[in-house]
Full PDB file with SEQRES, HELIX, SHEET, SSBOND, CRYST1, ORIGX, SCALE, CONECT and MASTER records, all heavy atoms in Angstrom:
SEQRES   1 A   37  VAL VAL VAL ILE ARG PRO LYS ASP VAL LEU GLU SER LEU          
SEQRES   2 A   37  CYS GLN ASN ALA GLY MET PRO TYR TYR LYS VAL LYS ASN          
SEQRES   3 A   37  ARG PRO GLN LYS TRP GLY LEU PHE GLY LEU GLY                  
HELIX    1 AA1 LEU A   10  ASN A   16  1                                   7    
HELIX    2 AA2 LEU A   33  LEU A   36  1                                   4    
SHEET    1 AA1 2 VAL A   3  ILE A   4  0                                        
SHEET    2 AA1 2 TYR A  22  LYS A  23  1                                        
CRYST1    1.000    1.000    1.000  90.00  90.00  90.00 P 1           1          
ORIGX1      1.000000  0.000000  0.000000        0.00000                         
ORIGX2      0.000000  1.000000  0.000000        0.00000                         
ORIGX3      0.000000  0.000000  1.000000        0.00000                         
SCALE1      1.000000  0.000000  0.000000        0.00000                         
SCALE2      0.000000  1.000000  0.000000        0.00000                         
SCALE3      0.000000  0.000000  1.000000        0.00000                         
ATOM      1  N   VAL A   1      14.530  -8.515   3.429  1.00  0.00           N  
ATOM      2  CA  VAL A   1      14.166  -7.078   3.435  1.00  0.00           C  
ATOM      3  C   VAL A   1      13.117  -6.928   4.635  1.00  0.00           C  
ATOM      4  O   VAL A   1      12.149  -7.711   4.661  1.00  0.00           O  
ATOM      5  CB  VAL A   1      13.529  -6.634   2.147  1.00  0.00           C  
ATOM      6  CG1 VAL A   1      13.135  -5.173   2.310  1.00  0.00           C  
ATOM      7  CG2 VAL A   1      14.514  -6.799   0.997  1.00  0.00           C  
ATOM      8  N   VAL A   2      13.342  -5.906   5.510  1.00  0.00           N  
ATOM      9  CA  VAL A   2      12.407  -5.731   6.588  1.00  0.00           C  
ATOM     10  C   VAL A   2      11.785  -4.361   6.389  1.00  0.00           C  
ATOM     11  O   VAL A   2      12.425  -3.330   6.150  1.00  0.00           O  
ATOM     12  CB  VAL A   2      13.170  -5.811   7.926  1.00  0.00           C  
ATOM     13  CG1 VAL A   2      12.235  -5.340   9.104  1.00  0.00           C  
ATOM     14  CG2 VAL A   2      13.748  -7.111   8.220  1.00  0.00           C  
ATOM     15  N   VAL A   3      10.365  -4.321   6.555  1.00  0.00           N  
ATOM     16  CA  VAL A   3       9.703  -3.068   6.552  1.00  0.00           C  
ATOM     17  C   VAL A   3       8.915  -3.014   7.821  1.00  0.00           C  
ATOM     18  O   VAL A   3       8.283  -3.950   8.271  1.00  0.00           O  
ATOM     19  CB  VAL A   3       8.639  -3.133   5.246  1.00  0.00           C  
ATOM     20  CG1 VAL A   3       7.824  -1.755   5.315  1.00  0.00           C  
ATOM     21  CG2 VAL A   3       9.367  -3.280   3.970  1.00  0.00           C  
ATOM     22  N   ILE A   4       8.944  -1.831   8.449  1.00  0.00           N  
ATOM     23  CA  ILE A   4       8.249  -1.717   9.740  1.00  0.00           C  
ATOM     24  C   ILE A   4       7.226  -0.533   9.739  1.00  0.00           C  
ATOM     25  O   ILE A   4       7.418   0.420   8.969  1.00  0.00           O  
ATOM     26  CB  ILE A   4       9.222  -1.500  10.951  1.00  0.00           C  
ATOM     27  CG1 ILE A   4       9.965  -0.116  10.903  1.00  0.00           C  
ATOM     28  CG2 ILE A   4      10.307  -2.620  10.999  1.00  0.00           C  
ATOM     29  CD1 ILE A   4      10.559   0.267  12.182  1.00  0.00           C  
ATOM     30  N   ARG A   5       6.256  -0.695  10.486  1.00  0.00           N  
ATOM     31  CA  ARG A   5       5.365   0.460  10.905  1.00  0.00           C  
ATOM     32  C   ARG A   5       5.751   0.736  12.422  1.00  0.00           C  
ATOM     33  O   ARG A   5       5.490  -0.138  13.234  1.00  0.00           O  
ATOM     34  CB  ARG A   5       3.898   0.057  10.742  1.00  0.00           C  
ATOM     35  CG  ARG A   5       2.932   1.135  11.243  1.00  0.00           C  
ATOM     36  CD  ARG A   5       1.471   0.846  10.921  1.00  0.00           C  
ATOM     37  NE  ARG A   5       0.972  -0.284  11.652  1.00  0.00           N  
ATOM     38  CZ  ARG A   5       0.478  -0.259  12.897  1.00  0.00           C  
ATOM     39  NH1 ARG A   5       0.474   0.917  13.537  1.00  0.00           N  
ATOM     40  NH2 ARG A   5      -0.022  -1.311  13.455  1.00  0.00           N  
ATOM     41  N   PRO A   6       6.274   1.905  12.709  1.00  0.00           N  
ATOM     42  CA  PRO A   6       6.873   2.063  14.021  1.00  0.00           C  
ATOM     43  C   PRO A   6       5.923   2.156  15.212  1.00  0.00           C  
ATOM     44  O   PRO A   6       5.736   3.242  15.774  1.00  0.00           O  
ATOM     45  CB  PRO A   6       7.684   3.405  13.809  1.00  0.00           C  
ATOM     46  CG  PRO A   6       6.953   4.125  12.832  1.00  0.00           C  
ATOM     47  CD  PRO A   6       6.350   3.071  11.871  1.00  0.00           C  
ATOM     48  N   LYS A   7       5.303   1.081  15.593  1.00  0.00           N  
ATOM     49  CA  LYS A   7       4.446   1.037  16.727  1.00  0.00           C  
ATOM     50  C   LYS A   7       5.185   0.852  18.021  1.00  0.00           C  
ATOM     51  O   LYS A   7       6.038   0.021  18.096  1.00  0.00           O  
ATOM     52  CB  LYS A   7       3.365  -0.120  16.604  1.00  0.00           C  
ATOM     53  CG  LYS A   7       2.479  -0.288  17.740  1.00  0.00           C  
ATOM     54  CD  LYS A   7       1.507  -1.499  17.550  1.00  0.00           C  
ATOM     55  CE  LYS A   7       0.779  -1.918  18.752  1.00  0.00           C  
ATOM     56  NZ  LYS A   7      -0.075  -0.779  19.280  1.00  0.00           N  
ATOM     57  N   ASP A   8       4.895   1.652  19.005  1.00  0.00           N  
ATOM     58  CA  ASP A   8       5.394   1.483  20.450  1.00  0.00           C  
ATOM     59  C   ASP A   8       6.955   1.503  20.328  1.00  0.00           C  
ATOM     60  O   ASP A   8       7.551   2.405  19.806  1.00  0.00           O  
ATOM     61  CB  ASP A   8       4.874   0.197  21.017  1.00  0.00           C  
ATOM     62  CG  ASP A   8       5.055   0.120  22.542  1.00  0.00           C  
ATOM     63  OD1 ASP A   8       5.298   1.071  23.148  1.00  0.00           O  
ATOM     64  OD2 ASP A   8       4.993  -1.055  23.068  1.00  0.00           O  
ATOM     65  N   VAL A   9       7.581   0.373  20.782  1.00  0.00           N  
ATOM     66  CA  VAL A   9       9.074   0.245  20.834  1.00  0.00           C  
ATOM     67  C   VAL A   9       9.669  -0.416  19.670  1.00  0.00           C  
ATOM     68  O   VAL A   9      10.827  -0.746  19.679  1.00  0.00           O  
ATOM     69  CB  VAL A   9       9.553  -0.342  22.206  1.00  0.00           C  
ATOM     70  CG1 VAL A   9       9.091   0.447  23.368  1.00  0.00           C  
ATOM     71  CG2 VAL A   9       8.961  -1.748  22.272  1.00  0.00           C  
ATOM     72  N   LEU A  10       8.871  -0.619  18.585  1.00  0.00           N  
ATOM     73  CA  LEU A  10       9.303  -1.482  17.510  1.00  0.00           C  
ATOM     74  C   LEU A  10      10.614  -0.985  16.817  1.00  0.00           C  
ATOM     75  O   LEU A  10      11.539  -1.700  16.567  1.00  0.00           O  
ATOM     76  CB  LEU A  10       8.210  -1.613  16.470  1.00  0.00           C  
ATOM     77  CG  LEU A  10       8.553  -2.426  15.178  1.00  0.00           C  
ATOM     78  CD1 LEU A  10       9.044  -3.767  15.445  1.00  0.00           C  
ATOM     79  CD2 LEU A  10       7.290  -2.503  14.281  1.00  0.00           C  
ATOM     80  N   GLU A  11      10.668   0.371  16.552  1.00  0.00           N  
ATOM     81  CA  GLU A  11      11.791   0.878  15.872  1.00  0.00           C  
ATOM     82  C   GLU A  11      13.058   0.767  16.806  1.00  0.00           C  
ATOM     83  O   GLU A  11      14.130   0.408  16.336  1.00  0.00           O  
ATOM     84  CB  GLU A  11      11.616   2.335  15.535  1.00  0.00           C  
ATOM     85  CG  GLU A  11      12.702   2.887  14.610  1.00  0.00           C  
ATOM     86  CD  GLU A  11      12.334   4.189  13.935  1.00  0.00           C  
ATOM     87  OE1 GLU A  11      11.275   4.814  14.351  1.00  0.00           O  
ATOM     88  OE2 GLU A  11      13.077   4.642  13.030  1.00  0.00           O  
ATOM     89  N   SER A  12      12.892   0.921  18.084  1.00  0.00           N  
ATOM     90  CA  SER A  12      14.028   0.738  19.018  1.00  0.00           C  
ATOM     91  C   SER A  12      14.554  -0.723  19.005  1.00  0.00           C  
ATOM     92  O   SER A  12      15.690  -0.966  19.113  1.00  0.00           O  
ATOM     93  CB  SER A  12      13.563   1.152  20.444  1.00  0.00           C  
ATOM     94  OG  SER A  12      13.313   2.548  20.510  1.00  0.00           O  
ATOM     95  N   LEU A  13      13.577  -1.652  18.986  1.00  0.00           N  
ATOM     96  CA  LEU A  13      13.954  -3.052  18.946  1.00  0.00           C  
ATOM     97  C   LEU A  13      14.786  -3.359  17.660  1.00  0.00           C  
ATOM     98  O   LEU A  13      15.803  -4.033  17.775  1.00  0.00           O  
ATOM     99  CB  LEU A  13      12.709  -3.903  18.923  1.00  0.00           C  
ATOM    100  CG  LEU A  13      11.925  -4.033  20.205  1.00  0.00           C  
ATOM    101  CD1 LEU A  13      10.594  -4.700  19.976  1.00  0.00           C  
ATOM    102  CD2 LEU A  13      12.724  -4.877  21.284  1.00  0.00           C  
ATOM    103  N   CYS A  14      14.418  -2.847  16.566  1.00  0.00           N  
ATOM    104  CA  CYS A  14      15.149  -3.033  15.249  1.00  0.00           C  
ATOM    105  C   CYS A  14      16.587  -2.403  15.418  1.00  0.00           C  
ATOM    106  O   CYS A  14      17.555  -3.069  15.021  1.00  0.00           O  
ATOM    107  CB  CYS A  14      14.463  -2.525  14.152  1.00  0.00           C  
ATOM    108  SG  CYS A  14      12.902  -3.424  13.641  1.00  0.00           S  
ATOM    109  N   GLN A  15      16.619  -1.213  15.959  1.00  0.00           N  
ATOM    110  CA  GLN A  15      17.946  -0.545  16.091  1.00  0.00           C  
ATOM    111  C   GLN A  15      18.845  -1.262  17.064  1.00  0.00           C  
ATOM    112  O   GLN A  15      20.097  -1.422  16.764  1.00  0.00           O  
ATOM    113  CB  GLN A  15      17.679   0.912  16.529  1.00  0.00           C  
ATOM    114  CG  GLN A  15      16.985   1.767  15.437  1.00  0.00           C  
ATOM    115  CD  GLN A  15      16.517   3.133  16.007  1.00  0.00           C  
ATOM    116  OE1 GLN A  15      16.454   3.342  17.166  1.00  0.00           O  
ATOM    117  NE2 GLN A  15      16.196   4.051  15.102  1.00  0.00           N  
ATOM    118  N   ASN A  16      18.271  -1.709  18.163  1.00  0.00           N  
ATOM    119  CA  ASN A  16      19.071  -2.362  19.177  1.00  0.00           C  
ATOM    120  C   ASN A  16      19.631  -3.697  18.675  1.00  0.00           C  
ATOM    121  O   ASN A  16      20.696  -4.172  19.080  1.00  0.00           O  
ATOM    122  CB  ASN A  16      18.297  -2.567  20.463  1.00  0.00           C  
ATOM    123  CG  ASN A  16      17.997  -1.254  21.226  1.00  0.00           C  
ATOM    124  OD1 ASN A  16      18.657  -0.232  20.972  1.00  0.00           O  
ATOM    125  ND2 ASN A  16      16.998  -1.206  22.090  1.00  0.00           N  
ATOM    126  N   ALA A  17      18.803  -4.338  17.780  1.00  0.00           N  
ATOM    127  CA  ALA A  17      19.286  -5.618  17.270  1.00  0.00           C  
ATOM    128  C   ALA A  17      20.098  -5.470  15.989  1.00  0.00           C  
ATOM    129  O   ALA A  17      20.539  -6.489  15.450  1.00  0.00           O  
ATOM    130  CB  ALA A  17      18.002  -6.437  16.886  1.00  0.00           C  
ATOM    131  N   GLY A  18      20.358  -4.237  15.538  1.00  0.00           N  
ATOM    132  CA  GLY A  18      21.160  -4.034  14.353  1.00  0.00           C  
ATOM    133  C   GLY A  18      20.458  -4.542  13.120  1.00  0.00           C  
ATOM    134  O   GLY A  18      21.179  -5.027  12.197  1.00  0.00           O  
ATOM    135  N   MET A  19      19.159  -4.478  13.043  1.00  0.00           N  
ATOM    136  CA  MET A  19      18.334  -4.984  11.894  1.00  0.00           C  
ATOM    137  C   MET A  19      18.005  -3.777  11.005  1.00  0.00           C  
ATOM    138  O   MET A  19      17.181  -2.944  11.342  1.00  0.00           O  
ATOM    139  CB  MET A  19      17.083  -5.612  12.446  1.00  0.00           C  
ATOM    140  CG  MET A  19      16.220  -6.181  11.355  1.00  0.00           C  
ATOM    141  SD  MET A  19      14.664  -6.912  11.991  1.00  0.00           S  
ATOM    142  CE  MET A  19      15.244  -8.326  12.889  1.00  0.00           C  
ATOM    143  N   PRO A  20      18.596  -3.727   9.759  1.00  0.00           N  
ATOM    144  CA  PRO A  20      18.200  -2.690   8.837  1.00  0.00           C  
ATOM    145  C   PRO A  20      16.758  -2.799   8.475  1.00  0.00           C  
ATOM    146  O   PRO A  20      16.194  -3.840   8.420  1.00  0.00           O  
ATOM    147  CB  PRO A  20      19.115  -2.966   7.649  1.00  0.00           C  
ATOM    148  CG  PRO A  20      20.205  -3.885   8.142  1.00  0.00           C  
ATOM    149  CD  PRO A  20      19.556  -4.612   9.215  1.00  0.00           C  
ATOM    150  N   TYR A  21      16.097  -1.596   8.157  1.00  0.00           N  
ATOM    151  CA  TYR A  21      14.687  -1.683   7.874  1.00  0.00           C  
ATOM    152  C   TYR A  21      14.268  -0.397   7.027  1.00  0.00           C  
ATOM    153  O   TYR A  21      14.956   0.523   7.041  1.00  0.00           O  
ATOM    154  CB  TYR A  21      13.793  -1.715   9.148  1.00  0.00           C  
ATOM    155  CG  TYR A  21      14.105  -0.486  10.064  1.00  0.00           C  
ATOM    156  CD1 TYR A  21      13.418   0.637   9.923  1.00  0.00           C  
ATOM    157  CD2 TYR A  21      15.099  -0.640  11.042  1.00  0.00           C  
ATOM    158  CE1 TYR A  21      13.669   1.746  10.782  1.00  0.00           C  
ATOM    159  CE2 TYR A  21      15.291   0.440  11.945  1.00  0.00           C  
ATOM    160  CZ  TYR A  21      14.659   1.575  11.768  1.00  0.00           C  
ATOM    161  OH  TYR A  21      14.876   2.658  12.620  1.00  0.00           O  
ATOM    162  N   TYR A  22      13.196  -0.622   6.238  1.00  0.00           N  
ATOM    163  CA  TYR A  22      12.459   0.471   5.699  1.00  0.00           C  
ATOM    164  C   TYR A  22      11.356   0.878   6.712  1.00  0.00           C  
ATOM    165  O   TYR A  22      10.752  -0.074   7.323  1.00  0.00           O  
ATOM    166  CB  TYR A  22      11.803   0.079   4.395  1.00  0.00           C  
ATOM    167  CG  TYR A  22      12.734  -0.094   3.194  1.00  0.00           C  
ATOM    168  CD1 TYR A  22      13.121  -1.380   2.834  1.00  0.00           C  
ATOM    169  CD2 TYR A  22      13.069   0.980   2.377  1.00  0.00           C  
ATOM    170  CE1 TYR A  22      13.984  -1.563   1.741  1.00  0.00           C  
ATOM    171  CE2 TYR A  22      13.906   0.784   1.264  1.00  0.00           C  
ATOM    172  CZ  TYR A  22      14.313  -0.479   0.975  1.00  0.00           C  
ATOM    173  OH  TYR A  22      15.126  -0.632  -0.121  1.00  0.00           O  
ATOM    174  N   LYS A  23      11.063   2.144   6.794  1.00  0.00           N  
ATOM    175  CA  LYS A  23      10.000   2.557   7.668  1.00  0.00           C  
ATOM    176  C   LYS A  23       8.836   3.219   6.847  1.00  0.00           C  
ATOM    177  O   LYS A  23       9.106   4.142   6.000  1.00  0.00           O  
ATOM    178  CB  LYS A  23      10.472   3.539   8.732  1.00  0.00           C  
ATOM    179  CG  LYS A  23       9.394   4.037   9.694  1.00  0.00           C  
ATOM    180  CD  LYS A  23      10.061   4.746  10.872  1.00  0.00           C  
ATOM    181  CE  LYS A  23      10.723   6.041  10.482  1.00  0.00           C  
ATOM    182  NZ  LYS A  23      11.127   6.837  11.665  1.00  0.00           N  
ATOM    183  N   VAL A  24       7.600   2.711   7.086  1.00  0.00           N  
ATOM    184  CA  VAL A  24       6.495   3.342   6.394  1.00  0.00           C  
ATOM    185  C   VAL A  24       5.627   4.131   7.429  1.00  0.00           C  
ATOM    186  O   VAL A  24       5.867   3.963   8.675  1.00  0.00           O  
ATOM    187  CB  VAL A  24       5.550   2.286   5.704  1.00  0.00           C  
ATOM    188  CG1 VAL A  24       6.318   1.593   4.591  1.00  0.00           C  
ATOM    189  CG2 VAL A  24       4.980   1.292   6.752  1.00  0.00           C  
ATOM    190  N   LYS A  25       4.715   4.911   6.955  1.00  0.00           N  
ATOM    191  CA  LYS A  25       3.967   5.774   7.811  1.00  0.00           C  
ATOM    192  C   LYS A  25       3.178   5.014   8.933  1.00  0.00           C  
ATOM    193  O   LYS A  25       2.674   3.945   8.648  1.00  0.00           O  
ATOM    194  CB  LYS A  25       2.908   6.577   7.011  1.00  0.00           C  
ATOM    195  CG  LYS A  25       2.157   7.581   7.727  1.00  0.00           C  
ATOM    196  CD  LYS A  25       1.192   8.324   6.712  1.00  0.00           C  
ATOM    197  CE  LYS A  25       1.906   9.057   5.719  1.00  0.00           C  
ATOM    198  NZ  LYS A  25       1.014   9.847   4.792  1.00  0.00           N  
ATOM    199  N   ASN A  26       3.177   5.623  10.142  1.00  0.00           N  
ATOM    200  CA  ASN A  26       2.422   4.957  11.255  1.00  0.00           C  
ATOM    201  C   ASN A  26       0.965   5.381  11.133  1.00  0.00           C  
ATOM    202  O   ASN A  26       0.618   6.454  10.523  1.00  0.00           O  
ATOM    203  CB  ASN A  26       2.999   5.407  12.563  1.00  0.00           C  
ATOM    204  CG  ASN A  26       2.648   4.441  13.665  1.00  0.00           C  
ATOM    205  OD1 ASN A  26       1.977   3.427  13.433  1.00  0.00           O  
ATOM    206  ND2 ASN A  26       3.196   4.668  14.882  1.00  0.00           N  
ATOM    207  N   ARG A  27       0.115   4.606  11.740  1.00  0.00           N  
ATOM    208  CA  ARG A  27      -1.337   4.965  11.755  1.00  0.00           C  
ATOM    209  C   ARG A  27      -1.562   6.211  12.520  1.00  0.00           C  
ATOM    210  O   ARG A  27      -0.979   6.355  13.644  1.00  0.00           O  
ATOM    211  CB  ARG A  27      -2.138   3.777  12.356  1.00  0.00           C  
ATOM    212  CG  ARG A  27      -3.599   3.970  12.232  1.00  0.00           C  
ATOM    213  CD  ARG A  27      -4.284   2.664  12.635  1.00  0.00           C  
ATOM    214  NE  ARG A  27      -3.979   2.294  14.001  1.00  0.00           N  
ATOM    215  CZ  ARG A  27      -4.136   1.064  14.452  1.00  0.00           C  
ATOM    216  NH1 ARG A  27      -4.465   0.095  13.640  1.00  0.00           N  
ATOM    217  NH2 ARG A  27      -3.832   0.846  15.739  1.00  0.00           N  
ATOM    218  N   PRO A  28      -2.403   7.126  12.155  1.00  0.00           N  
ATOM    219  CA  PRO A  28      -2.759   8.370  12.907  1.00  0.00           C  
ATOM    220  C   PRO A  28      -3.371   8.007  14.275  1.00  0.00           C  
ATOM    221  O   PRO A  28      -4.119   6.970  14.370  1.00  0.00           O  
ATOM    222  CB  PRO A  28      -3.696   9.157  12.001  1.00  0.00           C  
ATOM    223  CG  PRO A  28      -4.252   8.110  10.997  1.00  0.00           C  
ATOM    224  CD  PRO A  28      -3.173   7.086  10.846  1.00  0.00           C  
ATOM    225  N   GLN A  29      -3.194   8.858  15.269  1.00  0.00           N  
ATOM    226  CA  GLN A  29      -3.735   8.608  16.595  1.00  0.00           C  
ATOM    227  C   GLN A  29      -5.310   8.616  16.518  1.00  0.00           C  
ATOM    228  O   GLN A  29      -5.916   7.803  17.187  1.00  0.00           O  
ATOM    229  CB  GLN A  29      -3.265   9.660  17.575  1.00  0.00           C  
ATOM    230  CG  GLN A  29      -1.733   9.469  17.903  1.00  0.00           C  
ATOM    231  CD  GLN A  29      -1.459   8.220  18.631  1.00  0.00           C  
ATOM    232  OE1 GLN A  29      -2.111   7.794  19.512  1.00  0.00           O  
ATOM    233  NE2 GLN A  29      -0.431   7.474  18.152  1.00  0.00           N  
ATOM    234  N   LYS A  30      -5.801   9.550  15.761  1.00  0.00           N  
ATOM    235  CA  LYS A  30      -7.275   9.635  15.652  1.00  0.00           C  
ATOM    236  C   LYS A  30      -7.688   9.297  14.252  1.00  0.00           C  
ATOM    237  O   LYS A  30      -7.241   9.889  13.302  1.00  0.00           O  
ATOM    238  CB  LYS A  30      -7.751  11.082  15.979  1.00  0.00           C  
ATOM    239  CG  LYS A  30      -7.566  11.418  17.457  1.00  0.00           C  
ATOM    240  CD  LYS A  30      -8.133  12.776  17.827  1.00  0.00           C  
ATOM    241  CE  LYS A  30      -7.880  13.129  19.308  1.00  0.00           C  
ATOM    242  NZ  LYS A  30      -8.428  14.513  19.559  1.00  0.00           N  
ATOM    243  N   TRP A  31      -8.557   8.205  14.057  1.00  0.00           N  
ATOM    244  CA  TRP A  31      -8.881   7.770  12.699  1.00  0.00           C  
ATOM    245  C   TRP A  31     -10.285   7.225  12.727  1.00  0.00           C  
ATOM    246  O   TRP A  31     -10.581   6.325  13.521  1.00  0.00           O  
ATOM    247  CB  TRP A  31      -7.843   6.781  12.241  1.00  0.00           C  
ATOM    248  CG  TRP A  31      -7.599   5.652  13.190  1.00  0.00           C  
ATOM    249  CD1 TRP A  31      -6.765   5.631  14.262  1.00  0.00           C  
ATOM    250  CD2 TRP A  31      -8.225   4.339  13.155  1.00  0.00           C  
ATOM    251  NE1 TRP A  31      -6.821   4.443  14.897  1.00  0.00           N  
ATOM    252  CE2 TRP A  31      -7.707   3.623  14.251  1.00  0.00           C  
ATOM    253  CE3 TRP A  31      -9.166   3.729  12.283  1.00  0.00           C  
ATOM    254  CZ2 TRP A  31      -8.075   2.285  14.525  1.00  0.00           C  
ATOM    255  CZ3 TRP A  31      -9.525   2.426  12.574  1.00  0.00           C  
ATOM    256  CH2 TRP A  31      -8.953   1.709  13.632  1.00  0.00           C  
ATOM    257  N   GLY A  32     -11.116   7.718  11.847  1.00  0.00           N  
ATOM    258  CA  GLY A  32     -12.363   7.129  11.655  1.00  0.00           C  
ATOM    259  C   GLY A  32     -12.252   6.136  10.492  1.00  0.00           C  
ATOM    260  O   GLY A  32     -11.131   5.833  10.007  1.00  0.00           O  
ATOM    261  N   LEU A  33     -13.354   5.647   9.925  1.00  0.00           N  
ATOM    262  CA  LEU A  33     -13.341   4.668   8.885  1.00  0.00           C  
ATOM    263  C   LEU A  33     -12.700   5.321   7.599  1.00  0.00           C  
ATOM    264  O   LEU A  33     -11.886   4.700   6.972  1.00  0.00           O  
ATOM    265  CB  LEU A  33     -14.732   4.237   8.512  1.00  0.00           C  
ATOM    266  CG  LEU A  33     -14.891   2.969   7.670  1.00  0.00           C  
ATOM    267  CD1 LEU A  33     -14.165   1.819   8.293  1.00  0.00           C  
ATOM    268  CD2 LEU A  33     -16.352   2.637   7.441  1.00  0.00           C  
ATOM    269  N   PHE A  34     -12.989   6.585   7.323  1.00  0.00           N  
ATOM    270  CA  PHE A  34     -12.483   7.261   6.146  1.00  0.00           C  
ATOM    271  C   PHE A  34     -10.969   7.436   6.355  1.00  0.00           C  
ATOM    272  O   PHE A  34     -10.219   7.179   5.436  1.00  0.00           O  
ATOM    273  CB  PHE A  34     -13.097   8.655   5.947  1.00  0.00           C  
ATOM    274  CG  PHE A  34     -12.569   9.465   4.775  1.00  0.00           C  
ATOM    275  CD1 PHE A  34     -12.827   9.139   3.502  1.00  0.00           C  
ATOM    276  CD2 PHE A  34     -11.683  10.455   5.093  1.00  0.00           C  
ATOM    277  CE1 PHE A  34     -12.248   9.858   2.436  1.00  0.00           C  
ATOM    278  CE2 PHE A  34     -11.082  11.190   4.082  1.00  0.00           C  
ATOM    279  CZ  PHE A  34     -11.447  10.871   2.725  1.00  0.00           C  
ATOM    280  N   GLY A  35     -10.541   7.900   7.485  1.00  0.00           N  
ATOM    281  CA  GLY A  35      -9.141   8.125   7.793  1.00  0.00           C  
ATOM    282  C   GLY A  35      -8.380   6.801   7.662  1.00  0.00           C  
ATOM    283  O   GLY A  35      -7.226   6.764   7.139  1.00  0.00           O  
ATOM    284  N   LEU A  36      -8.952   5.652   8.157  1.00  0.00           N  
ATOM    285  CA  LEU A  36      -8.285   4.419   8.027  1.00  0.00           C  
ATOM    286  C   LEU A  36      -8.110   3.989   6.556  1.00  0.00           C  
ATOM    287  O   LEU A  36      -7.030   3.491   6.128  1.00  0.00           O  
ATOM    288  CB  LEU A  36      -9.105   3.280   8.766  1.00  0.00           C  
ATOM    289  CG  LEU A  36      -8.596   1.849   8.680  1.00  0.00           C  
ATOM    290  CD1 LEU A  36      -7.164   1.811   9.269  1.00  0.00           C  
ATOM    291  CD2 LEU A  36      -9.551   0.959   9.399  1.00  0.00           C  
ATOM    292  N   GLY A  37      -9.122   4.277   5.736  1.00  0.00           N  
ATOM    293  CA  GLY A  37      -9.072   3.963   4.323  1.00  0.00           C  
ATOM    294  C   GLY A  37      -7.925   4.759   3.593  1.00  0.00           C  
ATOM    295  O   GLY A  37      -7.175   4.123   2.823  1.00  0.00           O  
TER     296      GLY A  37                                                      
MASTER        0    0    0    2    2    0    0    6  295    1    0    3          
END                                                                             
């Protein structure tokens, strides 16, 4: 089972390789310590 956080070209790599995956939320662009938590 593959789970990804779609950073940069990661999702494209999985798709091009024919690798099925679950996708979880990506980290927000702006995040402080509270946002990261």
